Amino acid sequence: MKVQQIKQSVNAKGLEDWGTAGLPGTAPIQVSGLQTVIKGSEAIDTGIFECSAGTYRRSVKQAEVMHFLAGRGRFTADGEDTIHFASGDTLFFEANTEGLWEVEEAMRKVYVIF
C-alpha cells in the first residue's frame, strides 16, 4: 500500500515497549513507540514515540523532525538556550544535535529521523 495511516495517532494503541532511558541517579523513564516503515525509504526511521516524565540525554545522531501530540517539557541543546515545547509544537533538529530532554508531562510525538 502506497499510503499508510495511523488513525488518531494522539490516542493510538498498540505501542511497543522500547525499554527505559534516563540519567544516572534519576528514576528511569518508560519509553514506547510504533515504528512505521515506508517502502523504498527503509533507512528513514519514522513513527510514534512516547515517554513518561523524566530527564534523559538525546542520543539520536541524525537529523529529526518531530510534532508533539501530547505532553510538555523542554529541550536544551548543548551550549544553547532552552526550548520549551507542548502539544501542537513542531521541532526540527540538525544532525548531531545533543542535549538534555526534561519531560514534565508524558510526551507523545510523531517523528521522522533521516
N, C-alpha and C. Protein backbone atom coordinates (compact mmCIF):
# COMPACT_ATOMS: atom_id res chain seq x y z
N MET A 1 0.84 -1.18 0.00
CA MET A 1 0.00 0.00 0.00
C MET A 1 0.89 1.24 0.00
N LYS A 2 0.65 2.18 -0.90
CA LYS A 2 1.49 3.36 -1.04
C LYS A 2 1.30 4.37 0.08
N VAL A 3 0.14 4.37 0.70
CA VAL A 3 -0.14 5.31 1.79
C VAL A 3 -0.50 4.51 3.03
N GLN A 4 0.22 4.77 4.12
CA GLN A 4 -0.09 4.14 5.41
C GLN A 4 -0.74 5.19 6.30
N GLN A 5 -1.61 4.73 7.17
CA GLN A 5 -2.32 5.66 8.05
C GLN A 5 -2.32 5.14 9.47
N ILE A 6 -2.06 6.02 10.41
CA ILE A 6 -2.26 5.74 11.83
C ILE A 6 -3.42 6.63 12.23
N LYS A 7 -4.58 6.03 12.42
CA LYS A 7 -5.76 6.82 12.78
C LYS A 7 -5.63 7.34 14.21
N GLN A 8 -5.98 8.61 14.37
CA GLN A 8 -5.97 9.24 15.69
C GLN A 8 -4.67 8.93 16.44
N SER A 9 -3.54 9.29 15.84
CA SER A 9 -2.24 8.96 16.41
C SER A 9 -2.07 9.48 17.83
N VAL A 10 -2.81 10.51 18.20
CA VAL A 10 -2.74 11.02 19.57
C VAL A 10 -3.23 9.98 20.57
N ASN A 11 -4.12 9.08 20.14
CA ASN A 11 -4.69 8.05 21.03
C ASN A 11 -4.37 6.63 20.57
N ALA A 12 -3.51 6.46 19.58
CA ALA A 12 -3.23 5.14 19.01
C ALA A 12 -2.79 4.15 20.09
N LYS A 13 -3.34 2.96 20.02
CA LYS A 13 -2.99 1.88 20.95
C LYS A 13 -1.96 0.97 20.29
N GLY A 14 -1.44 0.04 21.04
CA GLY A 14 -0.53 -0.96 20.48
C GLY A 14 0.91 -0.52 20.36
N LEU A 15 1.31 0.53 21.09
CA LEU A 15 2.71 0.92 21.07
C LEU A 15 3.55 -0.18 21.72
N GLU A 16 4.75 -0.39 21.20
CA GLU A 16 5.64 -1.43 21.71
C GLU A 16 6.49 -0.88 22.85
N ASP A 17 6.83 -1.75 23.79
CA ASP A 17 7.71 -1.38 24.90
C ASP A 17 9.13 -1.26 24.35
N TRP A 18 9.71 -0.07 24.43
CA TRP A 18 11.07 0.16 23.97
C TRP A 18 12.05 0.27 25.13
N GLY A 19 11.63 -0.09 26.33
CA GLY A 19 12.53 -0.10 27.47
C GLY A 19 12.51 1.19 28.26
N THR A 20 13.67 1.53 28.83
CA THR A 20 13.78 2.72 29.66
C THR A 20 14.95 3.58 29.21
N ALA A 21 14.93 4.82 29.65
CA ALA A 21 16.02 5.77 29.42
C ALA A 21 16.14 6.61 30.67
N GLY A 22 17.19 7.38 30.76
CA GLY A 22 17.35 8.25 31.91
C GLY A 22 18.79 8.58 32.17
N LEU A 23 19.00 9.34 33.22
CA LEU A 23 20.33 9.74 33.64
C LEU A 23 20.70 9.02 34.92
N PRO A 24 21.99 8.75 35.14
CA PRO A 24 22.39 8.12 36.39
C PRO A 24 21.88 8.93 37.59
N GLY A 25 21.36 8.24 38.58
CA GLY A 25 20.87 8.90 39.78
C GLY A 25 19.45 9.44 39.67
N THR A 26 18.79 9.20 38.53
CA THR A 26 17.41 9.63 38.37
C THR A 26 16.53 8.42 38.10
N ALA A 27 15.25 8.56 38.35
CA ALA A 27 14.31 7.47 38.08
C ALA A 27 14.24 7.25 36.57
N PRO A 28 14.28 6.00 36.12
CA PRO A 28 14.20 5.74 34.68
C PRO A 28 12.83 6.12 34.13
N ILE A 29 12.81 6.57 32.89
CA ILE A 29 11.54 6.86 32.23
C ILE A 29 11.19 5.69 31.32
N GLN A 30 9.91 5.45 31.17
CA GLN A 30 9.42 4.37 30.30
C GLN A 30 9.28 4.91 28.88
N VAL A 31 9.80 4.15 27.91
CA VAL A 31 9.77 4.56 26.51
C VAL A 31 9.00 3.52 25.70
N SER A 32 8.13 3.97 24.82
CA SER A 32 7.40 3.07 23.93
C SER A 32 7.22 3.74 22.58
N GLY A 33 6.83 2.96 21.59
CA GLY A 33 6.65 3.55 20.28
C GLY A 33 6.06 2.60 19.27
N LEU A 34 5.87 3.13 18.10
CA LEU A 34 5.33 2.38 16.97
C LEU A 34 6.09 2.85 15.75
N GLN A 35 6.96 1.99 15.22
CA GLN A 35 7.76 2.35 14.06
C GLN A 35 6.99 2.03 12.79
N THR A 36 7.04 2.93 11.83
CA THR A 36 6.37 2.75 10.54
C THR A 36 7.44 2.75 9.45
N VAL A 37 7.50 1.67 8.68
CA VAL A 37 8.48 1.55 7.60
C VAL A 37 7.82 1.95 6.29
N ILE A 38 8.46 2.87 5.57
CA ILE A 38 7.96 3.32 4.28
C ILE A 38 8.73 2.59 3.19
N LYS A 39 8.03 1.82 2.38
CA LYS A 39 8.66 1.02 1.33
C LYS A 39 9.48 1.93 0.42
N GLY A 40 10.72 1.51 0.18
CA GLY A 40 11.63 2.29 -0.65
C GLY A 40 12.42 3.32 0.13
N SER A 41 12.06 3.55 1.38
CA SER A 41 12.76 4.52 2.24
C SER A 41 13.05 3.89 3.60
N GLU A 42 13.47 2.64 3.57
CA GLU A 42 13.67 1.89 4.81
C GLU A 42 14.73 2.50 5.73
N ALA A 43 15.64 3.30 5.19
CA ALA A 43 16.68 3.92 6.02
C ALA A 43 16.13 5.08 6.85
N ILE A 44 14.94 5.55 6.53
CA ILE A 44 14.31 6.63 7.29
C ILE A 44 13.50 6.01 8.42
N ASP A 45 13.75 6.46 9.64
CA ASP A 45 13.06 5.96 10.83
C ASP A 45 11.90 6.90 11.13
N THR A 46 10.69 6.38 11.15
CA THR A 46 9.53 7.22 11.38
C THR A 46 8.47 6.48 12.18
N GLY A 47 7.66 7.21 12.90
CA GLY A 47 6.60 6.59 13.69
C GLY A 47 6.15 7.46 14.84
N ILE A 48 5.70 6.79 15.89
CA ILE A 48 5.24 7.46 17.11
C ILE A 48 6.19 7.09 18.24
N PHE A 49 6.55 8.07 19.05
CA PHE A 49 7.41 7.87 20.22
C PHE A 49 6.66 8.42 21.42
N GLU A 50 6.73 7.69 22.52
CA GLU A 50 6.07 8.13 23.75
C GLU A 50 6.99 7.85 24.93
N CYS A 51 7.01 8.76 25.90
CA CYS A 51 7.77 8.51 27.12
C CYS A 51 7.09 9.17 28.31
N SER A 52 7.37 8.60 29.48
CA SER A 52 6.85 9.16 30.72
C SER A 52 7.70 10.38 31.10
N ALA A 53 7.26 11.10 32.11
CA ALA A 53 8.00 12.27 32.58
C ALA A 53 9.36 11.85 33.11
N GLY A 54 10.34 12.72 32.94
CA GLY A 54 11.68 12.46 33.43
C GLY A 54 12.72 13.19 32.60
N THR A 55 13.98 12.85 32.82
CA THR A 55 15.09 13.53 32.18
C THR A 55 16.00 12.51 31.51
N TYR A 56 16.44 12.82 30.29
CA TYR A 56 17.38 11.94 29.59
C TYR A 56 18.14 12.73 28.53
N ARG A 57 19.26 12.18 28.08
CA ARG A 57 20.07 12.81 27.03
C ARG A 57 19.59 12.37 25.66
N ARG A 58 19.61 13.28 24.72
CA ARG A 58 19.28 12.94 23.33
C ARG A 58 20.48 12.20 22.74
N SER A 59 20.22 11.03 22.16
CA SER A 59 21.30 10.20 21.61
C SER A 59 21.18 9.99 20.10
N VAL A 60 20.19 10.59 19.47
CA VAL A 60 19.99 10.44 18.02
C VAL A 60 21.03 11.30 17.30
N LYS A 61 21.77 10.70 16.38
CA LYS A 61 22.82 11.43 15.65
C LYS A 61 22.31 12.05 14.36
N GLN A 62 21.23 11.52 13.79
CA GLN A 62 20.70 12.02 12.53
C GLN A 62 19.83 13.26 12.75
N ALA A 63 19.47 13.90 11.64
CA ALA A 63 18.50 15.00 11.69
C ALA A 63 17.14 14.42 12.05
N GLU A 64 16.28 15.24 12.64
CA GLU A 64 14.96 14.75 13.05
C GLU A 64 13.94 15.89 13.01
N VAL A 65 12.74 15.54 12.58
CA VAL A 65 11.58 16.41 12.66
C VAL A 65 10.59 15.72 13.58
N MET A 66 9.99 16.47 14.51
CA MET A 66 9.02 15.88 15.43
C MET A 66 7.86 16.84 15.65
N HIS A 67 6.68 16.26 15.77
CA HIS A 67 5.48 17.04 16.08
C HIS A 67 4.86 16.43 17.33
N PHE A 68 4.69 17.26 18.36
CA PHE A 68 4.19 16.77 19.64
C PHE A 68 2.67 16.66 19.64
N LEU A 69 2.20 15.48 19.98
CA LEU A 69 0.76 15.21 20.07
C LEU A 69 0.25 15.40 21.48
N ALA A 70 1.13 15.20 22.47
CA ALA A 70 0.75 15.32 23.88
C ALA A 70 2.00 15.62 24.69
N GLY A 71 1.80 16.19 25.86
CA GLY A 71 2.88 16.41 26.80
C GLY A 71 3.45 17.81 26.73
N ARG A 72 4.43 18.02 27.62
CA ARG A 72 5.13 19.30 27.64
C ARG A 72 6.46 19.11 28.36
N GLY A 73 7.37 20.03 28.10
CA GLY A 73 8.68 19.97 28.73
C GLY A 73 9.63 20.93 28.05
N ARG A 74 10.90 20.59 28.09
CA ARG A 74 11.90 21.46 27.48
C ARG A 74 13.08 20.64 26.98
N PHE A 75 13.77 21.22 26.01
CA PHE A 75 14.99 20.61 25.48
C PHE A 75 16.06 21.68 25.45
N THR A 76 17.25 21.32 25.95
CA THR A 76 18.38 22.23 25.93
C THR A 76 19.49 21.59 25.13
N ALA A 77 19.73 22.10 23.93
CA ALA A 77 20.86 21.62 23.13
C ALA A 77 22.14 22.07 23.81
N ASP A 78 23.17 21.24 23.78
CA ASP A 78 24.43 21.58 24.43
C ASP A 78 24.92 22.95 23.96
N GLY A 79 25.15 23.85 24.92
CA GLY A 79 25.67 25.18 24.63
C GLY A 79 24.66 26.16 24.08
N GLU A 80 23.36 25.81 24.12
CA GLU A 80 22.34 26.70 23.56
C GLU A 80 21.24 26.98 24.58
N ASP A 81 20.34 27.89 24.22
CA ASP A 81 19.21 28.23 25.09
C ASP A 81 18.19 27.10 25.12
N THR A 82 17.43 27.05 26.19
CA THR A 82 16.38 26.05 26.37
C THR A 82 15.18 26.38 25.50
N ILE A 83 14.61 25.33 24.88
CA ILE A 83 13.39 25.45 24.09
C ILE A 83 12.29 24.73 24.84
N HIS A 84 11.18 25.41 25.11
CA HIS A 84 10.02 24.79 25.75
C HIS A 84 9.10 24.25 24.67
N PHE A 85 8.49 23.09 24.93
CA PHE A 85 7.57 22.51 23.95
C PHE A 85 6.30 22.06 24.66
N ALA A 86 5.22 21.98 23.88
CA ALA A 86 3.93 21.48 24.36
C ALA A 86 3.22 20.86 23.17
N SER A 87 2.14 20.14 23.46
CA SER A 87 1.39 19.50 22.38
C SER A 87 1.01 20.55 21.33
N GLY A 88 1.14 20.15 20.08
CA GLY A 88 0.87 21.05 18.96
C GLY A 88 2.12 21.69 18.38
N ASP A 89 3.25 21.64 19.10
CA ASP A 89 4.50 22.23 18.63
C ASP A 89 5.26 21.26 17.72
N THR A 90 6.10 21.82 16.86
CA THR A 90 6.95 21.04 15.97
C THR A 90 8.39 21.52 16.12
N LEU A 91 9.32 20.57 16.24
CA LEU A 91 10.74 20.90 16.36
C LEU A 91 11.50 20.27 15.19
N PHE A 92 12.57 20.94 14.77
CA PHE A 92 13.44 20.48 13.69
C PHE A 92 14.86 20.43 14.23
N PHE A 93 15.47 19.25 14.26
CA PHE A 93 16.81 19.07 14.81
C PHE A 93 17.82 18.86 13.68
N GLU A 94 18.92 19.59 13.72
CA GLU A 94 20.03 19.32 12.82
C GLU A 94 20.68 18.00 13.23
N ALA A 95 21.39 17.38 12.31
CA ALA A 95 22.15 16.18 12.64
C ALA A 95 23.16 16.52 13.74
N ASN A 96 23.47 15.55 14.58
CA ASN A 96 24.46 15.67 15.66
C ASN A 96 24.06 16.67 16.75
N THR A 97 22.76 16.92 16.90
CA THR A 97 22.29 17.77 17.99
C THR A 97 22.20 16.92 19.26
N GLU A 98 23.00 17.27 20.24
CA GLU A 98 22.97 16.58 21.53
C GLU A 98 22.44 17.55 22.56
N GLY A 99 21.87 17.01 23.63
CA GLY A 99 21.35 17.88 24.67
C GLY A 99 20.51 17.11 25.66
N LEU A 100 19.78 17.85 26.48
CA LEU A 100 19.03 17.29 27.59
C LEU A 100 17.53 17.50 27.41
N TRP A 101 16.78 16.39 27.45
CA TRP A 101 15.32 16.42 27.48
C TRP A 101 14.88 16.46 28.93
N GLU A 102 13.97 17.36 29.26
CA GLU A 102 13.33 17.40 30.57
C GLU A 102 11.83 17.35 30.31
N VAL A 103 11.26 16.17 30.44
CA VAL A 103 9.86 15.95 30.11
C VAL A 103 9.05 16.13 31.39
N GLU A 104 8.20 17.15 31.42
CA GLU A 104 7.41 17.48 32.61
C GLU A 104 6.10 16.70 32.66
N GLU A 105 5.56 16.41 31.49
CA GLU A 105 4.28 15.70 31.37
C GLU A 105 4.44 14.69 30.24
N ALA A 106 4.02 13.45 30.46
CA ALA A 106 4.21 12.38 29.47
C ALA A 106 4.09 12.91 28.04
N MET A 107 5.07 12.58 27.21
CA MET A 107 5.18 13.11 25.86
C MET A 107 4.85 12.05 24.82
N ARG A 108 4.12 12.45 23.79
CA ARG A 108 3.90 11.60 22.62
C ARG A 108 4.15 12.47 21.40
N LYS A 109 4.92 11.93 20.47
CA LYS A 109 5.25 12.70 19.27
C LYS A 109 5.26 11.79 18.04
N VAL A 110 5.03 12.40 16.89
CA VAL A 110 5.27 11.77 15.61
C VAL A 110 6.66 12.23 15.20
N TYR A 111 7.51 11.31 14.75
CA TYR A 111 8.89 11.67 14.43
C TYR A 111 9.30 11.13 13.06
N VAL A 112 10.26 11.82 12.47
CA VAL A 112 10.93 11.36 11.25
C VAL A 112 12.41 11.61 11.46
N ILE A 113 13.21 10.53 11.46
CA ILE A 113 14.66 10.62 11.62
C ILE A 113 15.27 10.24 10.28
N PHE A 114 16.15 11.13 9.77
CA PHE A 114 16.72 10.89 8.45
C PHE A 114 18.17 11.34 8.36
